[in-house]
Amino acid sequence: MARYLEAKCQLCRRCGDKLMLKGNRCLTPKCVMERKHKTVVSSRGRRKRISEHGVQLIEKQKARYTYGLFERQFKRFYAESARQPGITGDNLKVMLERRLDNVAYRLGFADSRAQARQLVLHGHIMVNGHRVNVPSCLINEGDTVACREASIKREYFKKLAEEIKSKTIPSWLILDREKLVGQVVAMPIPDETIAKFDGKSIVEYYSR
């Protein structure tokens, strides 16, 4: 996941959709997408018409912003998805969901993917008993993802142990909420991803 220096809310407004880049804050009235004047209009007051290519670009940017990838990183994920058998758009969704920072987020270890990325970079996340600090590491079926035992003593994880009890975990993951240990029991399901982007439009964008 790449680091963005600009305001995250600006990315949501640019795509015209709530991308949940700030975690729980996006569910409050403070979210910019909950405010008025969400419709993009021209200087004459008319709604701007977006071309087909523009729609495809927006969908690609939604995926990039959601998972926090630079263009080169995202294009590499797309190229790998295209080489795999099956539907390229679905393959892309599965690959993005398998990123370690996303798995940590989906297990409830963080409120946003950006926060999960920091946990990984700082060495708080273990994969199969080994500390991994690479957010883009792809997790496989059967892998265990856990909070490092030494890190659990920190105040953040003590608070997390209480908050995680109310979080919803996707069906392809299981979580021991007491020990903060998760396991990938199956590959991610494309239809169950919470990211708001159309894989077909992304394929059309790169196929033009």
C-alpha atoms as a PDB file:
ATOM      1  CA  MET A   1       0.000   0.000   0.000  1.00  0.00           C
ATOM      2  CA  ALA A   2       1.455   3.341  -1.033  1.00  0.00           C
ATOM      3  CA  ARG A   3       1.542   6.474   1.046  1.00  0.00           C
ATOM      4  CA  TYR A   4      -0.606   9.421  -0.018  1.00  0.00           C
ATOM      5  CA  LEU A   5       0.281  12.905   1.214  1.00  0.00           C
ATOM      6  CA  GLU A   6      -2.908  14.557  -0.027  1.00  0.00           C
ATOM      7  CA  ALA A   7      -6.222  14.495   1.820  1.00  0.00           C
ATOM      8  CA  LYS A   8      -7.872  11.077   1.580  1.00  0.00           C
ATOM      9  CA  CYS A   9     -11.325  12.641   1.387  1.00  0.00           C
ATOM     10  CA  GLN A  10     -10.239  14.325  -1.832  1.00  0.00           C
ATOM     11  CA  LEU A  11      -9.745  10.893  -3.381  1.00  0.00           C
ATOM     12  CA  CYS A  12     -13.313   9.910  -2.506  1.00  0.00           C
ATOM     13  CA  ARG A  13     -14.679  13.109  -4.015  1.00  0.00           C
ATOM     14  CA  ARG A  14     -12.592  12.569  -7.122  1.00  0.00           C
ATOM     15  CA  CYS A  15     -14.206   9.150  -7.643  1.00  0.00           C
ATOM     16  CA  GLY A  16     -17.630  10.263  -6.496  1.00  0.00           C
ATOM     17  CA  ASP A  17     -17.949   7.373  -4.040  1.00  0.00           C
ATOM     18  CA  LYS A  18     -17.153   6.561  -0.417  1.00  0.00           C
ATOM     19  CA  LEU A  19     -14.012   4.393  -0.407  1.00  0.00           C
ATOM     20  CA  MET A  20     -13.710   3.958   3.385  1.00  0.00           C
ATOM     21  CA  LEU A  21     -10.159   5.313   3.401  1.00  0.00           C
ATOM     22  CA  LYS A  22     -10.452   6.652   6.944  1.00  0.00           C
ATOM     23  CA  GLY A  23     -12.078   3.642   8.554  1.00  0.00           C
ATOM     24  CA  ASN A  24     -14.840   4.330  11.071  1.00  0.00           C
ATOM     25  CA  ARG A  25     -14.656   8.083  10.462  1.00  0.00           C
ATOM     26  CA  CYS A  26     -16.220   7.440   7.056  1.00  0.00           C
ATOM     27  CA  LEU A  27     -19.367   6.203   8.833  1.00  0.00           C
ATOM     28  CA  THR A  28     -19.860   9.518  10.675  1.00  0.00           C
ATOM     29  CA  PRO A  29     -21.467  12.792   9.488  1.00  0.00           C
ATOM     30  CA  LYS A  30     -17.908  14.196   9.207  1.00  0.00           C
ATOM     31  CA  CYS A  31     -17.406  12.176   6.031  1.00  0.00           C
ATOM     32  CA  VAL A  32     -17.171  14.538   3.060  1.00  0.00           C
ATOM     33  CA  MET A  33     -19.406  12.248   0.990  1.00  0.00           C
ATOM     34  CA  GLU A  34     -22.238  12.741   3.495  1.00  0.00           C
ATOM     35  CA  ARG A  35     -22.253  16.490   2.972  1.00  0.00           C
ATOM     36  CA  LYS A  36     -24.237  18.487   0.461  1.00  0.00           C
ATOM     37  CA  HIS A  37     -23.159  19.482  -3.061  1.00  0.00           C
ATOM     38  CA  LYS A  38     -21.968  15.991  -3.992  1.00  0.00           C
ATOM     39  CA  THR A  39     -23.096  16.350  -7.623  1.00  0.00           C
ATOM     40  CA  VAL A  40     -20.390  17.496 -10.006  1.00  0.00           C
ATOM     41  CA  VAL A  41     -21.648  20.346 -12.189  1.00  0.00           C
ATOM     42  CA  SER A  42     -20.047  22.530 -14.829  1.00  0.00           C
ATOM     43  CA  SER A  43     -19.641  26.302 -14.615  1.00  0.00           C
ATOM     44  CA  ARG A  44     -23.013  26.651 -16.365  1.00  0.00           C
ATOM     45  CA  GLY A  45     -24.749  24.522 -13.770  1.00  0.00           C
ATOM     46  CA  ARG A  46     -25.140  21.417 -15.918  1.00  0.00           C
ATOM     47  CA  ARG A  47     -24.069  17.949 -14.877  1.00  0.00           C
ATOM     48  CA  LYS A  48     -20.813  16.958 -16.545  1.00  0.00           C
ATOM     49  CA  ARG A  49     -21.060  14.027 -18.922  1.00  0.00           C
ATOM     50  CA  ILE A  50     -18.400  11.358 -18.400  1.00  0.00           C
ATOM     51  CA  SER A  51     -17.166   9.407 -21.409  1.00  0.00           C
ATOM     52  CA  GLU A  52     -16.919   5.624 -21.459  1.00  0.00           C
ATOM     53  CA  HIS A  53     -13.160   5.883 -21.066  1.00  0.00           C
ATOM     54  CA  GLY A  54     -13.674   8.272 -18.153  1.00  0.00           C
ATOM     55  CA  VAL A  55     -15.922   5.764 -16.400  1.00  0.00           C
ATOM     56  CA  GLN A  56     -13.318   3.034 -16.870  1.00  0.00           C
ATOM     57  CA  LEU A  57     -10.608   5.332 -15.498  1.00  0.00           C
ATOM     58  CA  ILE A  58     -12.700   6.115 -12.423  1.00  0.00           C
ATOM     59  CA  GLU A  59     -13.231   2.424 -11.711  1.00  0.00           C
ATOM     60  CA  LYS A  60      -9.493   1.785 -12.011  1.00  0.00           C
ATOM     61  CA  GLN A  61      -8.744   4.688  -9.683  1.00  0.00           C
ATOM     62  CA  LYS A  62     -11.306   3.420  -7.168  1.00  0.00           C
ATOM     63  CA  ALA A  63      -9.447   0.121  -6.932  1.00  0.00           C
ATOM     64  CA  ARG A  64      -6.069   1.855  -6.691  1.00  0.00           C
ATOM     65  CA  TYR A  65      -7.152   4.274  -3.983  1.00  0.00           C
ATOM     66  CA  THR A  66      -9.010   1.627  -1.994  1.00  0.00           C
ATOM     67  CA  TYR A  67      -5.981  -0.642  -1.718  1.00  0.00           C
ATOM     68  CA  GLY A  68      -3.481   2.232  -1.719  1.00  0.00           C
ATOM     69  CA  LEU A  69      -1.410   1.289  -4.745  1.00  0.00           C
ATOM     70  CA  PHE A  70       0.700   3.389  -7.070  1.00  0.00           C
ATOM     71  CA  GLU A  71      -0.050   3.012 -10.786  1.00  0.00           C
ATOM     72  CA  ARG A  72       2.987   0.807 -11.428  1.00  0.00           C
ATOM     73  CA  GLN A  73       2.080  -1.506  -8.538  1.00  0.00           C
ATOM     74  CA  PHE A  74      -1.539  -1.752  -9.637  1.00  0.00           C
ATOM     75  CA  LYS A  75      -0.594  -2.460 -13.250  1.00  0.00           C
ATOM     76  CA  ARG A  76       1.662  -5.285 -12.064  1.00  0.00           C
ATOM     77  CA  PHE A  77      -1.229  -6.823 -10.133  1.00  0.00           C
ATOM     78  CA  TYR A  78      -3.452  -6.499 -13.203  1.00  0.00           C
ATOM     79  CA  ALA A  79      -0.868  -8.137 -15.472  1.00  0.00           C
ATOM     80  CA  GLU A  80      -0.548 -11.083 -13.097  1.00  0.00           C
ATOM     81  CA  SER A  81      -4.347 -11.396 -12.899  1.00  0.00           C
ATOM     82  CA  ALA A  82      -4.578 -11.445 -16.696  1.00  0.00           C
ATOM     83  CA  ARG A  83      -2.116 -14.350 -16.890  1.00  0.00           C
ATOM     84  CA  GLN A  84      -4.207 -16.514 -14.567  1.00  0.00           C
ATOM     85  CA  PRO A  85      -7.074 -18.682 -15.863  1.00  0.00           C
ATOM     86  CA  GLY A  86     -10.586 -17.424 -15.329  1.00  0.00           C
ATOM     87  CA  ILE A  87     -12.130 -13.958 -15.349  1.00  0.00           C
ATOM     88  CA  THR A  88      -9.431 -11.289 -15.122  1.00  0.00           C
ATOM     89  CA  GLY A  89     -11.588  -8.849 -13.131  1.00  0.00           C
ATOM     90  CA  ASP A  90     -12.369 -11.489 -10.512  1.00  0.00           C
ATOM     91  CA  ASN A  91      -8.738 -12.605 -10.402  1.00  0.00           C
ATOM     92  CA  LEU A  92      -7.724  -9.007  -9.715  1.00  0.00           C
ATOM     93  CA  LYS A  93     -10.169  -8.688  -6.828  1.00  0.00           C
ATOM     94  CA  VAL A  94      -8.893 -11.923  -5.288  1.00  0.00           C
ATOM     95  CA  MET A  95      -5.248 -10.893  -5.589  1.00  0.00           C
ATOM     96  CA  LEU A  96      -5.869  -7.502  -3.996  1.00  0.00           C
ATOM     97  CA  GLU A  97      -7.789  -9.117  -1.149  1.00  0.00           C
ATOM     98  CA  ARG A  98      -4.880 -11.510  -0.522  1.00  0.00           C
ATOM     99  CA  ARG A  99      -2.462  -8.687   0.298  1.00  0.00           C
ATOM    100  CA  LEU A 100      -1.228  -8.965   3.885  1.00  0.00           C
ATOM    101  CA  ASP A 101      -2.261  -5.434   4.822  1.00  0.00           C
ATOM    102  CA  ASN A 102      -5.771  -6.106   3.507  1.00  0.00           C
ATOM    103  CA  VAL A 103      -6.030  -9.447   5.340  1.00  0.00           C
ATOM    104  CA  ALA A 104      -4.986  -7.735   8.595  1.00  0.00           C
ATOM    105  CA  TYR A 105      -7.673  -5.106   7.946  1.00  0.00           C
ATOM    106  CA  ARG A 106     -10.329  -7.696   7.127  1.00  0.00           C
ATOM    107  CA  LEU A 107      -9.490  -9.618  10.309  1.00  0.00           C
ATOM    108  CA  GLY A 108     -10.264  -6.463  12.263  1.00  0.00           C
ATOM    109  CA  PHE A 109      -6.716  -5.720  13.407  1.00  0.00           C
ATOM    110  CA  ALA A 110      -7.089  -2.162  12.065  1.00  0.00           C
ATOM    111  CA  ASP A 111      -9.874   0.279  11.188  1.00  0.00           C
ATOM    112  CA  SER A 112      -8.483   1.001   7.713  1.00  0.00           C
ATOM    113  CA  ARG A 113      -6.066  -0.496   5.227  1.00  0.00           C
ATOM    114  CA  ALA A 114      -3.664   2.389   5.783  1.00  0.00           C
ATOM    115  CA  GLN A 115      -3.605   1.628   9.503  1.00  0.00           C
ATOM    116  CA  ALA A 116      -3.128  -2.077   8.772  1.00  0.00           C
ATOM    117  CA  ARG A 117      -0.194  -1.193   6.529  1.00  0.00           C
ATOM    118  CA  GLN A 118       1.481   0.594   9.433  1.00  0.00           C
ATOM    119  CA  LEU A 119       1.003  -2.428  11.686  1.00  0.00           C
ATOM    120  CA  VAL A 120       2.686  -4.623   9.078  1.00  0.00           C
ATOM    121  CA  LEU A 121       5.545  -2.201   8.436  1.00  0.00           C
ATOM    122  CA  HIS A 122       6.258  -1.877  12.167  1.00  0.00           C
ATOM    123  CA  GLY A 123       6.505  -5.636  12.570  1.00  0.00           C
ATOM    124  CA  HIS A 124       3.364  -6.239  14.615  1.00  0.00           C
ATOM    125  CA  ILE A 125       1.933  -8.905  12.271  1.00  0.00           C
ATOM    126  CA  MET A 126       3.046 -12.542  12.073  1.00  0.00           C
ATOM    127  CA  VAL A 127       2.438 -14.937   9.157  1.00  0.00           C
ATOM    128  CA  ASN A 128       2.747 -18.641   9.964  1.00  0.00           C
ATOM    129  CA  GLY A 129       4.733 -17.766  13.087  1.00  0.00           C
ATOM    130  CA  HIS A 130       7.207 -15.467  11.310  1.00  0.00           C
ATOM    131  CA  ARG A 131       7.245 -11.689  11.456  1.00  0.00           C
ATOM    132  CA  VAL A 132       6.522 -10.161   8.030  1.00  0.00           C
ATOM    133  CA  ASN A 133       6.869  -6.448   7.321  1.00  0.00           C
ATOM    134  CA  VAL A 134       5.920  -6.441   3.623  1.00  0.00           C
ATOM    135  CA  PRO A 135       2.325  -5.162   3.147  1.00  0.00           C
ATOM    136  CA  SER A 136       2.099  -6.524  -0.418  1.00  0.00           C
ATOM    137  CA  CYS A 137       2.914 -10.100   0.660  1.00  0.00           C
ATOM    138  CA  LEU A 138       0.218 -12.417  -0.757  1.00  0.00           C
ATOM    139  CA  ILE A 139      -1.467 -14.721   1.740  1.00  0.00           C
ATOM    140  CA  ASN A 140      -2.395 -18.268   0.721  1.00  0.00           C
ATOM    141  CA  GLU A 141      -5.100 -20.669   1.843  1.00  0.00           C
ATOM    142  CA  GLY A 142      -4.153 -22.272   5.153  1.00  0.00           C
ATOM    143  CA  ASP A 143      -1.880 -19.414   6.292  1.00  0.00           C
ATOM    144  CA  THR A 144      -2.239 -17.999   9.795  1.00  0.00           C
ATOM    145  CA  VAL A 145      -2.074 -14.244  10.372  1.00  0.00           C
ATOM    146  CA  ALA A 146      -1.668 -13.097  13.959  1.00  0.00           C
ATOM    147  CA  CYS A 147      -0.655 -10.150  16.078  1.00  0.00           C
ATOM    148  CA  ARG A 148       2.867 -10.578  17.450  1.00  0.00           C
ATOM    149  CA  GLU A 149       2.794 -11.826  21.026  1.00  0.00           C
ATOM    150  CA  ALA A 150       5.146  -9.075  22.230  1.00  0.00           C
ATOM    151  CA  SER A 151       2.936  -6.438  20.585  1.00  0.00           C
ATOM    152  CA  ILE A 152      -0.263  -7.611  22.300  1.00  0.00           C
ATOM    153  CA  LYS A 153       0.990  -6.019  25.527  1.00  0.00           C
ATOM    154  CA  ARG A 154       0.801  -2.572  23.932  1.00  0.00           C
ATOM    155  CA  GLU A 155      -2.120  -0.279  24.697  1.00  0.00           C
ATOM    156  CA  TYR A 156      -3.380  -0.344  21.090  1.00  0.00           C
ATOM    157  CA  PHE A 157      -3.804  -4.112  21.113  1.00  0.00           C
ATOM    158  CA  LYS A 158      -5.373  -4.135  24.574  1.00  0.00           C
ATOM    159  CA  LYS A 159      -8.047  -1.798  23.215  1.00  0.00           C
ATOM    160  CA  LEU A 160      -8.281  -3.866  20.033  1.00  0.00           C
ATOM    161  CA  ALA A 161      -9.027  -7.020  22.057  1.00  0.00           C
ATOM    162  CA  GLU A 162     -12.273  -5.361  23.201  1.00  0.00           C
ATOM    163  CA  GLU A 163     -13.280  -3.676  19.951  1.00  0.00           C
ATOM    164  CA  ILE A 164     -12.663  -6.709  17.753  1.00  0.00           C
ATOM    165  CA  LYS A 165     -15.471  -8.657  19.436  1.00  0.00           C
ATOM    166  CA  SER A 166     -18.055  -6.633  17.510  1.00  0.00           C
ATOM    167  CA  LYS A 167     -16.327  -6.716  14.109  1.00  0.00           C
ATOM    168  CA  THR A 168     -17.584  -8.829  11.215  1.00  0.00           C
ATOM    169  CA  ILE A 169     -15.118 -11.240   9.606  1.00  0.00           C
ATOM    170  CA  PRO A 170     -15.560 -12.448   5.979  1.00  0.00           C
ATOM    171  CA  SER A 171     -16.387 -16.104   5.392  1.00  0.00           C
ATOM    172  CA  TRP A 172     -12.972 -16.936   3.919  1.00  0.00           C
ATOM    173  CA  LEU A 173     -11.290 -16.038   7.219  1.00  0.00           C
ATOM    174  CA  ILE A 174     -11.646 -17.323  10.770  1.00  0.00           C
ATOM    175  CA  LEU A 175     -10.448 -15.481  13.860  1.00  0.00           C
ATOM    176  CA  ASP A 176      -9.653 -16.406  17.445  1.00  0.00           C
ATOM    177  CA  ARG A 177     -10.770 -13.143  19.032  1.00  0.00           C
ATOM    178  CA  GLU A 178      -9.129 -13.950  22.362  1.00  0.00           C
ATOM    179  CA  LYS A 179      -5.654 -14.711  20.973  1.00  0.00           C
ATOM    180  CA  LEU A 180      -5.932 -12.352  17.958  1.00  0.00           C
ATOM    181  CA  VAL A 181      -4.987 -15.145  15.582  1.00  0.00           C
ATOM    182  CA  GLY A 182      -6.641 -15.477  12.173  1.00  0.00           C
ATOM    183  CA  GLN A 183      -6.484 -18.115   9.470  1.00  0.00           C
ATOM    184  CA  VAL A 184      -7.249 -18.127   5.759  1.00  0.00           C
ATOM    185  CA  VAL A 185      -9.619 -21.068   5.292  1.00  0.00           C
ATOM    186  CA  ALA A 186     -10.326 -20.405   1.606  1.00  0.00           C
ATOM    187  CA  MET A 187      -9.443 -18.052  -1.199  1.00  0.00           C
ATOM    188  CA  PRO A 188     -11.318 -14.716  -1.138  1.00  0.00           C
ATOM    189  CA  ILE A 189     -14.681 -14.630  -2.883  1.00  0.00           C
ATOM    190  CA  PRO A 190     -14.895 -11.840  -5.532  1.00  0.00           C
ATOM    191  CA  ASP A 191     -18.533 -11.089  -4.718  1.00  0.00           C
ATOM    192  CA  GLU A 192     -17.721 -10.724  -1.011  1.00  0.00           C
ATOM    193  CA  THR A 193     -15.095  -8.012  -1.402  1.00  0.00           C
ATOM    194  CA  ILE A 194     -16.191  -4.727   0.141  1.00  0.00           C
ATOM    195  CA  ALA A 195     -14.190  -2.660  -2.343  1.00  0.00           C
ATOM    196  CA  LYS A 196     -16.409  -0.596  -4.645  1.00  0.00           C
ATOM    197  CA  PHE A 197     -15.057  -1.038  -8.151  1.00  0.00           C
ATOM    198  CA  ASP A 198     -16.082  -2.796 -11.350  1.00  0.00           C
ATOM    199  CA  GLY A 199     -13.460  -5.310 -12.455  1.00  0.00           C
ATOM    200  CA  LYS A 200     -14.893  -5.501 -15.982  1.00  0.00           C
ATOM    201  CA  SER A 201     -14.374  -1.758 -16.512  1.00  0.00           C
ATOM    202  CA  ILE A 202     -10.749  -2.066 -15.401  1.00  0.00           C
ATOM    203  CA  VAL A 203     -10.177  -4.857 -17.927  1.00  0.00           C
ATOM    204  CA  GLU A 204     -11.697  -2.681 -20.644  1.00  0.00           C
ATOM    205  CA  TYR A 205      -9.480   0.243 -19.584  1.00  0.00           C
ATOM    206  CA  TYR A 206      -6.267  -1.755 -19.987  1.00  0.00           C
ATOM    207  CA  SER A 207      -7.505  -3.481 -23.141  1.00  0.00           C
ATOM    208  CA  ARG A 208      -8.132  -0.314 -25.119  1.00  0.00           C
END
